[in-house]
Amino acid sequence: EESKRKRLKLSNNVNDELQSYCDFEVQVSLPDPEYENKINELTRFNKQLLSEINELKHLNRQLLSENEILKINQGYKTENQLGYFKKCADHHKAWDSVCNIYQHAMAIEL
């Protein structure tokens, strides 16, 4: 009787999405290869997405450092002047303002 208990038995449950069987009264589930492929695809997609996010983070850091250099080169020194760049939500207005200030400064020097 003990040898019967130790034999490998396939589950008769047809509603299971995963194949399963009992061995030594322990239920073990084996994933369907179709699900394995989907999991692998999702893993590859997640890796690609993470690499693109890291690339965007790198570009963002680079732009922030270049913005700091630009602010210093433009002559902005006070907290209010430097904060103007941070608070501006409309970037085209900020750059338009920067260009106008630069143009005005150049006109004064001439």
PDB file of N, CA and C in Angstrom:
ATOM      1  N   GLU A   1       0.819  -1.194   0.000  1.00  0.00           N
ATOM      2  CA  GLU A   1       0.000   0.000   0.000  1.00  0.00           C
ATOM      3  C   GLU A   1       0.865   1.260   0.000  1.00  0.00           C
ATOM      4  N   GLU A   2       1.995   1.208   0.682  1.00  0.00           N
ATOM      5  CA  GLU A   2       2.867   2.373   0.721  1.00  0.00           C
ATOM      6  C   GLU A   2       3.456   2.649  -0.656  1.00  0.00           C
ATOM      7  N   SER A   3       3.722   1.600  -1.418  1.00  0.00           N
ATOM      8  CA  SER A   3       4.251   1.798  -2.763  1.00  0.00           C
ATOM      9  C   SER A   3       3.225   2.469  -3.661  1.00  0.00           C
ATOM     10  N   LYS A   4       1.937   2.189  -3.458  1.00  0.00           N
ATOM     11  CA  LYS A   4       0.891   2.859  -4.230  1.00  0.00           C
ATOM     12  C   LYS A   4       0.876   4.353  -3.909  1.00  0.00           C
ATOM     13  N   ARG A   5       1.089   4.679  -2.656  1.00  0.00           N
ATOM     14  CA  ARG A   5       1.056   6.074  -2.244  1.00  0.00           C
ATOM     15  C   ARG A   5       2.220   6.864  -2.845  1.00  0.00           C
ATOM     16  N   LYS A   6       3.334   6.199  -3.050  1.00  0.00           N
ATOM     17  CA  LYS A   6       4.523   6.869  -3.554  1.00  0.00           C
ATOM     18  C   LYS A   6       4.533   7.010  -5.069  1.00  0.00           C
ATOM     19  N   ARG A   7       3.604   6.387  -5.741  1.00  0.00           N
ATOM     20  CA  ARG A   7       3.569   6.478  -7.200  1.00  0.00           C
ATOM     21  C   ARG A   7       3.149   7.874  -7.643  1.00  0.00           C
ATOM     22  N   LEU A   8       3.638   8.252  -8.780  1.00  0.00           N
ATOM     23  CA  LEU A   8       3.301   9.532  -9.374  1.00  0.00           C
ATOM     24  C   LEU A   8       1.892   9.474  -9.931  1.00  0.00           C
ATOM     25  N   LYS A   9       1.045  10.438  -9.580  1.00  0.00           N
ATOM     26  CA  LYS A   9      -0.327  10.459 -10.067  1.00  0.00           C
ATOM     27  C   LYS A   9      -0.603  11.801 -10.724  1.00  0.00           C
ATOM     28  N   LEU A  10      -1.213  11.774 -11.880  1.00  0.00           N
ATOM     29  CA  LEU A  10      -1.628  13.004 -12.543  1.00  0.00           C
ATOM     30  C   LEU A  10      -2.949  13.463 -11.972  1.00  0.00           C
ATOM     31  N   SER A  11      -3.110  14.753 -11.900  1.00  0.00           N
ATOM     32  CA  SER A  11      -4.357  15.313 -11.383  1.00  0.00           C
ATOM     33  C   SER A  11      -5.455  15.134 -12.425  1.00  0.00           C
ATOM     34  N   ASN A  12      -6.650  14.801 -11.979  1.00  0.00           N
ATOM     35  CA  ASN A  12      -7.791  14.652 -12.880  1.00  0.00           C
ATOM     36  C   ASN A  12      -8.604  15.935 -13.000  1.00  0.00           C
ATOM     37  N   ASN A  13      -8.165  16.982 -12.362  1.00  0.00           N
ATOM     38  CA  ASN A  13      -8.905  18.236 -12.371  1.00  0.00           C
ATOM     39  C   ASN A  13      -8.673  18.944 -13.706  1.00  0.00           C
ATOM     40  N   VAL A  14      -9.724  19.048 -14.531  1.00  0.00           N
ATOM     41  CA  VAL A  14      -9.601  19.664 -15.850  1.00  0.00           C
ATOM     42  C   VAL A  14      -9.714  21.177 -15.785  1.00  0.00           C
ATOM     43  N   ASN A  15     -10.180  21.710 -14.684  1.00  0.00           N
ATOM     44  CA  ASN A  15     -10.350  23.153 -14.560  1.00  0.00           C
ATOM     45  C   ASN A  15      -9.042  23.873 -14.239  1.00  0.00           C
ATOM     46  N   ASP A  16      -8.027  23.113 -13.867  1.00  0.00           N
ATOM     47  CA  ASP A  16      -6.744  23.737 -13.547  1.00  0.00           C
ATOM     48  C   ASP A  16      -6.116  24.308 -14.808  1.00  0.00           C
ATOM     49  N   GLU A  17      -5.540  25.534 -14.676  1.00  0.00           N
ATOM     50  CA  GLU A  17      -4.817  26.115 -15.798  1.00  0.00           C
ATOM     51  C   GLU A  17      -3.412  25.540 -15.881  1.00  0.00           C
ATOM     52  N   LEU A  18      -2.928  25.032 -14.779  1.00  0.00           N
ATOM     53  CA  LEU A  18      -1.591  24.465 -14.733  1.00  0.00           C
ATOM     54  C   LEU A  18      -1.680  22.964 -14.521  1.00  0.00           C
ATOM     55  N   GLN A  19      -0.757  22.260 -15.143  1.00  0.00           N
ATOM     56  CA  GLN A  19      -0.708  20.821 -14.906  1.00  0.00           C
ATOM     57  C   GLN A  19      -0.198  20.601 -13.487  1.00  0.00           C
ATOM     58  N   SER A  20      -0.774  19.651 -12.810  1.00  0.00           N
ATOM     59  CA  SER A  20      -0.310  19.375 -11.455  1.00  0.00           C
ATOM     60  C   SER A  20      -0.346  17.875 -11.213  1.00  0.00           C
ATOM     61  N   TYR A  21       0.434  17.416 -10.278  1.00  0.00           N
ATOM     62  CA  TYR A  21       0.426  16.012  -9.896  1.00  0.00           C
ATOM     63  C   TYR A  21       0.821  15.901  -8.427  1.00  0.00           C
ATOM     64  N   CYS A  22       0.544  14.745  -7.862  1.00  0.00           N
ATOM     65  CA  CYS A  22       0.848  14.493  -6.448  1.00  0.00           C
ATOM     66  C   CYS A  22       1.982  13.482  -6.365  1.00  0.00           C
ATOM     67  N   ASP A  23       2.916  13.753  -5.488  1.00  0.00           N
ATOM     68  CA  ASP A  23       3.995  12.827  -5.220  1.00  0.00           C
ATOM     69  C   ASP A  23       4.232  12.845  -3.715  1.00  0.00           C
ATOM     70  N   PHE A  24       4.093  11.709  -3.094  1.00  0.00           N
ATOM     71  CA  PHE A  24       4.223  11.602  -1.642  1.00  0.00           C
ATOM     72  C   PHE A  24       3.265  12.555  -0.930  1.00  0.00           C
ATOM     73  N   GLU A  25       2.079  12.663  -1.433  1.00  0.00           N
ATOM     74  CA  GLU A  25       1.019  13.499  -0.879  1.00  0.00           C
ATOM     75  C   GLU A  25       1.375  14.984  -0.858  1.00  0.00           C
ATOM     76  N   VAL A  26       2.247  15.395  -1.746  1.00  0.00           N
ATOM     77  CA  VAL A  26       2.599  16.809  -1.863  1.00  0.00           C
ATOM     78  C   VAL A  26       2.161  17.274  -3.244  1.00  0.00           C
ATOM     79  N   GLN A  27       1.386  18.330  -3.289  1.00  0.00           N
ATOM     80  CA  GLN A  27       0.898  18.861  -4.561  1.00  0.00           C
ATOM     81  C   GLN A  27       1.983  19.733  -5.186  1.00  0.00           C
ATOM     82  N   VAL A  28       2.296  19.464  -6.430  1.00  0.00           N
ATOM     83  CA  VAL A  28       3.302  20.228  -7.161  1.00  0.00           C
ATOM     84  C   VAL A  28       2.662  20.720  -8.445  1.00  0.00           C
ATOM     85  N   SER A  29       2.869  21.998  -8.777  1.00  0.00           N
ATOM     86  CA  SER A  29       2.311  22.557 -10.011  1.00  0.00           C
ATOM     87  C   SER A  29       3.437  22.852 -10.985  1.00  0.00           C
ATOM     88  N   LEU A  30       3.229  22.471 -12.214  1.00  0.00           N
ATOM     89  CA  LEU A  30       4.177  22.765 -13.276  1.00  0.00           C
ATOM     90  C   LEU A  30       3.551  23.795 -14.203  1.00  0.00           C
ATOM     91  N   PRO A  31       4.244  24.889 -14.481  1.00  0.00           N
ATOM     92  CA  PRO A  31       3.659  25.912 -15.347  1.00  0.00           C
ATOM     93  C   PRO A  31       3.545  25.430 -16.784  1.00  0.00           C
ATOM     94  N   ASP A  32       2.532  25.918 -17.431  1.00  0.00           N
ATOM     95  CA  ASP A  32       2.303  25.623 -18.833  1.00  0.00           C
ATOM     96  C   ASP A  32       3.368  26.355 -19.659  1.00  0.00           C
ATOM     97  N   PRO A  33       3.947  25.735 -20.683  1.00  0.00           N
ATOM     98  CA  PRO A  33       4.968  26.409 -21.499  1.00  0.00           C
ATOM     99  C   PRO A  33       4.467  27.712 -22.121  1.00  0.00           C
ATOM    100  N   GLU A  34       3.182  27.785 -22.408  1.00  0.00           N
ATOM    101  CA  GLU A  34       2.629  29.020 -22.972  1.00  0.00           C
ATOM    102  C   GLU A  34       2.793  30.175 -21.986  1.00  0.00           C
ATOM    103  N   TYR A  35       2.561  29.896 -20.709  1.00  0.00           N
ATOM    104  CA  TYR A  35       2.733  30.923 -19.687  1.00  0.00           C
ATOM    105  C   TYR A  35       4.204  31.259 -19.502  1.00  0.00           C
ATOM    106  N   GLU A  36       5.057  30.265 -19.646  1.00  0.00           N
ATOM    107  CA  GLU A  36       6.497  30.507 -19.545  1.00  0.00           C
ATOM    108  C   GLU A  36       6.930  31.504 -20.616  1.00  0.00           C
ATOM    109  N   ASN A  37       6.431  31.334 -21.848  1.00  0.00           N
ATOM    110  CA  ASN A  37       6.778  32.251 -22.929  1.00  0.00           C
ATOM    111  C   ASN A  37       6.289  33.660 -22.626  1.00  0.00           C
ATOM    112  N   LYS A  38       5.070  33.766 -22.098  1.00  0.00           N
ATOM    113  CA  LYS A  38       4.535  35.087 -21.762  1.00  0.00           C
ATOM    114  C   LYS A  38       5.361  35.739 -20.657  1.00  0.00           C
ATOM    115  N   ILE A  39       5.762  34.950 -19.681  1.00  0.00           N
ATOM    116  CA  ILE A  39       6.590  35.479 -18.594  1.00  0.00           C
ATOM    117  C   ILE A  39       7.928  35.958 -19.141  1.00  0.00           C
ATOM    118  N   ASN A  40       8.530  35.188 -20.049  1.00  0.00           N
ATOM    119  CA  ASN A  40       9.799  35.589 -20.654  1.00  0.00           C
ATOM    120  C   ASN A  40       9.646  36.868 -21.463  1.00  0.00           C
ATOM    121  N   GLU A  41       8.545  36.990 -22.211  1.00  0.00           N
ATOM    122  CA  GLU A  41       8.300  38.211 -22.979  1.00  0.00           C
ATOM    123  C   GLU A  41       8.164  39.415 -22.056  1.00  0.00           C
ATOM    124  N   LEU A  42       7.414  39.244 -20.972  1.00  0.00           N
ATOM    125  CA  LEU A  42       7.242  40.345 -20.021  1.00  0.00           C
ATOM    126  C   LEU A  42       8.565  40.715 -19.358  1.00  0.00           C
ATOM    127  N   THR A  43       9.381  39.736 -19.074  1.00  0.00           N
ATOM    128  CA  THR A  43      10.681  40.005 -18.475  1.00  0.00           C
ATOM    129  C   THR A  43      11.557  40.804 -19.429  1.00  0.00           C
ATOM    130  N   ARG A  44      11.588  40.404 -20.703  1.00  0.00           N
ATOM    131  CA  ARG A  44      12.365  41.147 -21.701  1.00  0.00           C
ATOM    132  C   ARG A  44      11.838  42.568 -21.848  1.00  0.00           C
ATOM    133  N   PHE A  45      10.506  42.714 -21.875  1.00  0.00           N
ATOM    134  CA  PHE A  45       9.901  44.039 -22.007  1.00  0.00           C
ATOM    135  C   PHE A  45      10.258  44.911 -20.808  1.00  0.00           C
ATOM    136  N   ASN A  46      10.196  44.337 -19.604  1.00  0.00           N
ATOM    137  CA  ASN A  46      10.536  45.099 -18.397  1.00  0.00           C
ATOM    138  C   ASN A  46      11.993  45.547 -18.414  1.00  0.00           C
ATOM    139  N   LYS A  47      12.896  44.673 -18.864  1.00  0.00           N
ATOM    140  CA  LYS A  47      14.310  45.042 -18.942  1.00  0.00           C
ATOM    141  C   LYS A  47      14.517  46.173 -19.933  1.00  0.00           C
ATOM    142  N   GLN A  48      13.837  46.090 -21.083  1.00  0.00           N
ATOM    143  CA  GLN A  48      13.956  47.140 -22.090  1.00  0.00           C
ATOM    144  C   GLN A  48      13.394  48.457 -21.559  1.00  0.00           C
ATOM    145  N   LEU A  49      12.255  48.379 -20.894  1.00  0.00           N
ATOM    146  CA  LEU A  49      11.629  49.572 -20.339  1.00  0.00           C
ATOM    147  C   LEU A  49      12.517  50.206 -19.276  1.00  0.00           C
ATOM    148  N   LEU A  50      13.107  49.389 -18.416  1.00  0.00           N
ATOM    149  CA  LEU A  50      14.000  49.916 -17.390  1.00  0.00           C
ATOM    150  C   LEU A  50      15.237  50.569 -17.995  1.00  0.00           C
ATOM    151  N   SER A  51      15.773  49.992 -19.061  1.00  0.00           N
ATOM    152  CA  SER A  51      16.946  50.597 -19.696  1.00  0.00           C
ATOM    153  C   SER A  51      16.582  51.935 -20.331  1.00  0.00           C
ATOM    154  N   GLU A  52      15.387  52.035 -20.917  1.00  0.00           N
ATOM    155  CA  GLU A  52      14.960  53.308 -21.498  1.00  0.00           C
ATOM    156  C   GLU A  52      14.706  54.351 -20.409  1.00  0.00           C
ATOM    157  N   ILE A  53      14.156  53.928 -19.285  1.00  0.00           N
ATOM    158  CA  ILE A  53      13.943  54.851 -18.165  1.00  0.00           C
ATOM    159  C   ILE A  53      15.287  55.349 -17.640  1.00  0.00           C
ATOM    160  N   ASN A  54      16.268  54.454 -17.530  1.00  0.00           N
ATOM    161  CA  ASN A  54      17.603  54.863 -17.073  1.00  0.00           C
ATOM    162  C   ASN A  54      18.241  55.842 -18.046  1.00  0.00           C
ATOM    163  N   GLU A  55      18.033  55.617 -19.341  1.00  0.00           N
ATOM    164  CA  GLU A  55      18.567  56.535 -20.344  1.00  0.00           C
ATOM    165  C   GLU A  55      17.921  57.914 -20.206  1.00  0.00           C
ATOM    166  N   LEU A  56      16.598  57.951 -19.986  1.00  0.00           N
ATOM    167  CA  LEU A  56      15.909  59.227 -19.793  1.00  0.00           C
ATOM    168  C   LEU A  56      16.386  59.928 -18.522  1.00  0.00           C
ATOM    169  N   LYS A  57      16.630  59.161 -17.461  1.00  0.00           N
ATOM    170  CA  LYS A  57      17.143  59.759 -16.231  1.00  0.00           C
ATOM    171  C   LYS A  57      18.520  60.371 -16.468  1.00  0.00           C
ATOM    172  N   HIS A  58      19.352  59.676 -17.252  1.00  0.00           N
ATOM    173  CA  HIS A  58      20.680  60.192 -17.566  1.00  0.00           C
ATOM    174  C   HIS A  58      20.568  61.491 -18.366  1.00  0.00           C
ATOM    175  N   LEU A  59      19.685  61.509 -19.366  1.00  0.00           N
ATOM    176  CA  LEU A  59      19.490  62.725 -20.154  1.00  0.00           C
ATOM    177  C   LEU A  59      18.971  63.864 -19.289  1.00  0.00           C
ATOM    178  N   ASN A  60      18.075  63.560 -18.368  1.00  0.00           N
ATOM    179  CA  ASN A  60      17.537  64.583 -17.477  1.00  0.00           C
ATOM    180  C   ASN A  60      18.643  65.182 -16.608  1.00  0.00           C
ATOM    181  N   ARG A  61      19.501  64.320 -16.053  1.00  0.00           N
ATOM    182  CA  ARG A  61      20.623  64.817 -15.242  1.00  0.00           C
ATOM    183  C   ARG A  61      21.547  65.705 -16.071  1.00  0.00           C
ATOM    184  N   GLN A  62      21.791  65.280 -17.310  1.00  0.00           N
ATOM    185  CA  GLN A  62      22.665  66.047 -18.188  1.00  0.00           C
ATOM    186  C   GLN A  62      22.054  67.412 -18.490  1.00  0.00           C
ATOM    187  N   LEU A  63      20.751  67.449 -18.778  1.00  0.00           N
ATOM    188  CA  LEU A  63      20.089  68.721 -19.056  1.00  0.00           C
ATOM    189  C   LEU A  63      20.080  69.626 -17.828  1.00  0.00           C
ATOM    190  N   LEU A  64      19.882  69.052 -16.650  1.00  0.00           N
ATOM    191  CA  LEU A  64      19.899  69.859 -15.432  1.00  0.00           C
ATOM    192  C   LEU A  64      21.273  70.478 -15.198  1.00  0.00           C
ATOM    193  N   SER A  65      22.330  69.708 -15.444  1.00  0.00           N
ATOM    194  CA  SER A  65      23.674  70.265 -15.251  1.00  0.00           C
ATOM    195  C   SER A  65      23.964  71.342 -16.291  1.00  0.00           C
ATOM    196  N   GLU A  66      23.519  71.144 -17.529  1.00  0.00           N
ATOM    197  CA  GLU A  66      23.706  72.167 -18.554  1.00  0.00           C
ATOM    198  C   GLU A  66      22.884  73.409 -18.241  1.00  0.00           C
ATOM    199  N   ASN A  67      21.710  73.224 -17.641  1.00  0.00           N
ATOM    200  CA  ASN A  67      20.883  74.358 -17.249  1.00  0.00           C
ATOM    201  C   ASN A  67      21.579  75.166 -16.155  1.00  0.00           C
ATOM    202  N   GLU A  68      22.228  74.468 -15.215  1.00  0.00           N
ATOM    203  CA  GLU A  68      22.979  75.163 -14.165  1.00  0.00           C
ATOM    204  C   GLU A  68      24.098  76.003 -14.777  1.00  0.00           C
ATOM    205  N   ILE A  69      24.807  75.432 -15.741  1.00  0.00           N
ATOM    206  CA  ILE A  69      25.892  76.159 -16.410  1.00  0.00           C
ATOM    207  C   ILE A  69      25.332  77.369 -17.145  1.00  0.00           C
ATOM    208  N   LEU A  70      24.200  77.195 -17.821  1.00  0.00           N
ATOM    209  CA  LEU A  70      23.577  78.298 -18.554  1.00  0.00           C
ATOM    210  C   LEU A  70      23.180  79.425 -17.609  1.00  0.00           C
ATOM    211  N   LYS A  71      22.592  79.060 -16.472  1.00  0.00           N
ATOM    212  CA  LYS A  71      22.177  80.094 -15.514  1.00  0.00           C
ATOM    213  C   LYS A  71      23.380  80.897 -15.029  1.00  0.00           C
ATOM    214  N   ILE A  72      24.469  80.220 -14.759  1.00  0.00           N
ATOM    215  CA  ILE A  72      25.665  80.911 -14.288  1.00  0.00           C
ATOM    216  C   ILE A  72      26.244  81.784 -15.394  1.00  0.00           C
ATOM    217  N   ASN A  73      26.299  81.253 -16.628  1.00  0.00           N
ATOM    218  CA  ASN A  73      26.831  82.027 -17.750  1.00  0.00           C
ATOM    219  C   ASN A  73      25.957  83.222 -18.089  1.00  0.00           C
ATOM    220  N   GLN A  74      24.669  83.116 -17.851  1.00  0.00           N
ATOM    221  CA  GLN A  74      23.761  84.231 -18.113  1.00  0.00           C
ATOM    222  C   GLN A  74      23.888  85.313 -17.044  1.00  0.00           C
ATOM    223  N   GLY A  75      24.511  84.989 -15.939  1.00  0.00           N
ATOM    224  CA  GLY A  75      24.738  85.978 -14.901  1.00  0.00           C
ATOM    225  C   GLY A  75      23.707  85.970 -13.797  1.00  0.00           C
ATOM    226  N   TYR A  76      22.877  84.946 -13.740  1.00  0.00           N
ATOM    227  CA  TYR A  76      21.889  84.859 -12.668  1.00  0.00           C
ATOM    228  C   TYR A  76      22.599  84.419 -11.397  1.00  0.00           C
ATOM    229  N   LYS A  77      22.466  85.254 -10.341  1.00  0.00           N
ATOM    230  CA  LYS A  77      23.191  84.947  -9.112  1.00  0.00           C
ATOM    231  C   LYS A  77      22.289  84.860  -7.895  1.00  0.00           C
ATOM    232  N   THR A  78      21.265  85.659  -7.817  1.00  0.00           N
ATOM    233  CA  THR A  78      20.428  85.655  -6.616  1.00  0.00           C
ATOM    234  C   THR A  78      19.493  84.454  -6.629  1.00  0.00           C
ATOM    235  N   GLU A  79      18.959  84.144  -5.452  1.00  0.00           N
ATOM    236  CA  GLU A  79      18.035  83.012  -5.327  1.00  0.00           C
ATOM    237  C   GLU A  79      16.787  83.218  -6.179  1.00  0.00           C
ATOM    238  N   ASN A  80      16.272  84.438  -6.219  1.00  0.00           N
ATOM    239  CA  ASN A  80      15.072  84.712  -7.019  1.00  0.00           C
ATOM    240  C   ASN A  80      15.342  84.500  -8.501  1.00  0.00           C
ATOM    241  N   GLN A  81      16.504  84.954  -8.950  1.00  0.00           N
ATOM    242  CA  GLN A  81      16.842  84.779 -10.360  1.00  0.00           C
ATOM    243  C   GLN A  81      17.015  83.299 -10.699  1.00  0.00           C
ATOM    244  N   LEU A  82      17.717  82.580  -9.842  1.00  0.00           N
ATOM    245  CA  LEU A  82      17.928  81.152 -10.095  1.00  0.00           C
ATOM    246  C   LEU A  82      16.629  80.367  -9.940  1.00  0.00           C
ATOM    247  N   GLY A  83      15.768  80.786  -9.017  1.00  0.00           N
ATOM    248  CA  GLY A  83      14.486  80.114  -8.811  1.00  0.00           C
ATOM    249  C   GLY A  83      13.531  80.306  -9.962  1.00  0.00           C
ATOM    250  N   TYR A  84      13.739  81.375 -10.749  1.00  0.00           N
ATOM    251  CA  TYR A  84      12.863  81.623 -11.892  1.00  0.00           C
ATOM    252  C   TYR A  84      12.888  80.445 -12.859  1.00  0.00           C
ATOM    253  N   PHE A  85      14.049  79.883 -13.069  1.00  0.00           N
ATOM    254  CA  PHE A  85      14.174  78.749 -13.982  1.00  0.00           C
ATOM    255  C   PHE A  85      13.448  77.525 -13.446  1.00  0.00           C
ATOM    256  N   LYS A  86      13.485  77.337 -12.122  1.00  0.00           N
ATOM    257  CA  LYS A  86      12.863  76.155 -11.534  1.00  0.00           C
ATOM    258  C   LYS A  86      11.346  76.246 -11.529  1.00  0.00           C
ATOM    259  N   LYS A  87      10.816  77.458 -11.321  1.00  0.00           N
ATOM    260  CA  LYS A  87       9.375  77.613 -11.162  1.00  0.00           C
ATOM    261  C   LYS A  87       8.626  77.698 -12.485  1.00  0.00           C
ATOM    262  N   CYS A  88       9.329  78.018 -13.530  1.00  0.00           N
ATOM    263  CA  CYS A  88       8.645  78.267 -14.801  1.00  0.00           C
ATOM    264  C   CYS A  88       8.104  76.959 -15.379  1.00  0.00           C
ATOM    265  N   ALA A  89       6.786  76.913 -15.566  1.00  0.00           N
ATOM    266  CA  ALA A  89       6.168  75.697 -16.097  1.00  0.00           C
ATOM    267  C   ALA A  89       6.173  75.697 -17.619  1.00  0.00           C
ATOM    268  N   ASP A  90       6.087  76.877 -18.206  1.00  0.00           N
ATOM    269  CA  ASP A  90       6.077  76.986 -19.665  1.00  0.00           C
ATOM    270  C   ASP A  90       7.498  77.257 -20.140  1.00  0.00           C
ATOM    271  N   HIS A  91       8.145  76.218 -20.622  1.00  0.00           N
ATOM    272  CA  HIS A  91       9.552  76.338 -20.987  1.00  0.00           C
ATOM    273  C   HIS A  91       9.768  77.308 -22.143  1.00  0.00           C
ATOM    274  N   HIS A  92       8.836  77.360 -23.072  1.00  0.00           N
ATOM    275  CA  HIS A  92       9.022  78.282 -24.189  1.00  0.00           C
ATOM    276  C   HIS A  92       8.988  79.724 -23.703  1.00  0.00           C
ATOM    277  N   LYS A  93       8.183  80.012 -22.679  1.00  0.00           N
ATOM    278  CA  LYS A  93       8.152  81.363 -22.112  1.00  0.00           C
ATOM    279  C   LYS A  93       9.456  81.653 -21.379  1.00  0.00           C
ATOM    280  N   ALA A  94       9.976  80.650 -20.687  1.00  0.00           N
ATOM    281  CA  ALA A  94      11.234  80.845 -19.965  1.00  0.00           C
ATOM    282  C   ALA A  94      12.363  81.144 -20.939  1.00  0.00           C
ATOM    283  N   TRP A  95      12.441  80.370 -22.019  1.00  0.00           N
ATOM    284  CA  TRP A  95      13.506  80.603 -22.989  1.00  0.00           C
ATOM    285  C   TRP A  95      13.298  81.919 -23.724  1.00  0.00           C
ATOM    286  N   ASP A  96      12.060  82.280 -23.979  1.00  0.00           N
ATOM    287  CA  ASP A  96      11.767  83.563 -24.610  1.00  0.00           C
ATOM    288  C   ASP A  96      12.232  84.692 -23.699  1.00  0.00           C
ATOM    289  N   SER A  97      11.962  84.547 -22.407  1.00  0.00           N
ATOM    290  CA  SER A  97      12.393  85.546 -21.427  1.00  0.00           C
ATOM    291  C   SER A  97      13.915  85.612 -21.359  1.00  0.00           C
ATOM    292  N   VAL A  98      14.569  84.466 -21.346  1.00  0.00           N
ATOM    293  CA  VAL A  98      16.033  84.424 -21.310  1.00  0.00           C
ATOM    294  C   VAL A  98      16.606  85.097 -22.549  1.00  0.00           C
ATOM    295  N   CYS A  99      16.042  84.808 -23.703  1.00  0.00           N
ATOM    296  CA  CYS A  99      16.530  85.410 -24.949  1.00  0.00           C
ATOM    297  C   CYS A  99      16.298  86.922 -24.953  1.00  0.00           C
ATOM    298  N   ASN A 100      15.149  87.352 -24.438  1.00  0.00           N
ATOM    299  CA  ASN A 100      14.872  88.789 -24.368  1.00  0.00           C
ATOM    300  C   ASN A 100      15.863  89.486 -23.442  1.00  0.00           C
ATOM    301  N   ILE A 101      16.143  88.875 -22.304  1.00  0.00           N
ATOM    302  CA  ILE A 101      17.111  89.456 -21.365  1.00  0.00           C
ATOM    303  C   ILE A 101      18.492  89.522 -22.010  1.00  0.00           C
ATOM    304  N   TYR A 102      18.875  88.459 -22.686  1.00  0.00           N
ATOM    305  CA  TYR A 102      20.176  88.418 -23.351  1.00  0.00           C
ATOM    306  C   TYR A 102      20.247  89.479 -24.451  1.00  0.00           C
ATOM    307  N   GLN A 103      19.187  89.579 -25.236  1.00  0.00           N
ATOM    308  CA  GLN A 103      19.140  90.567 -26.313  1.00  0.00           C
ATOM    309  C   GLN A 103      19.222  91.978 -25.725  1.00  0.00           C
ATOM    310  N   HIS A 104      18.509  92.223 -24.636  1.00  0.00           N
ATOM    311  CA  HIS A 104      18.532  93.534 -23.991  1.00  0.00           C
ATOM    312  C   HIS A 104      19.936  93.846 -23.459  1.00  0.00           C
ATOM    313  N   ALA A 105      20.591  92.855 -22.853  1.00  0.00           N
ATOM    314  CA  ALA A 105      21.943  93.057 -22.329  1.00  0.00           C
ATOM    315  C   ALA A 105      22.927  93.351 -23.449  1.00  0.00           C
ATOM    316  N   MET A 106      22.790  92.671 -24.569  1.00  0.00           N
ATOM    317  CA  MET A 106      23.680  92.905 -25.710  1.00  0.00           C
ATOM    318  C   MET A 106      23.447  94.295 -26.293  1.00  0.00           C
ATOM    319  N   ALA A 107      22.179  94.717 -26.331  1.00  0.00           N
ATOM    320  CA  ALA A 107      21.861  96.047 -26.869  1.00  0.00           C
ATOM    321  C   ALA A 107      22.446  97.139 -25.981  1.00  0.00           C
ATOM    322  N   ILE A 108      22.443  96.919 -24.667  1.00  0.00           N
ATOM    323  CA  ILE A 108      23.001  97.910 -23.745  1.00  0.00           C
ATOM    324  C   ILE A 108      24.512  98.019 -23.942  1.00  0.00           C
ATOM    325  N   GLU A 109      25.177  96.891 -24.172  1.00  0.00           N
ATOM    326  CA  GLU A 109      26.624  96.909 -24.365  1.00  0.00           C
ATOM    327  C   GLU A 109      27.020  97.592 -25.660  1.00  0.00           C
ATOM    328  N   LEU A 110      26.165  97.530 -26.670  1.00  0.00           N
ATOM    329  CA  LEU A 110      26.499  98.161 -27.947  1.00  0.00           C
ATOM    330  C   LEU A 110      26.280  99.638 -27.809  1.00  0.00           C
TER     331      LEU A 110
END
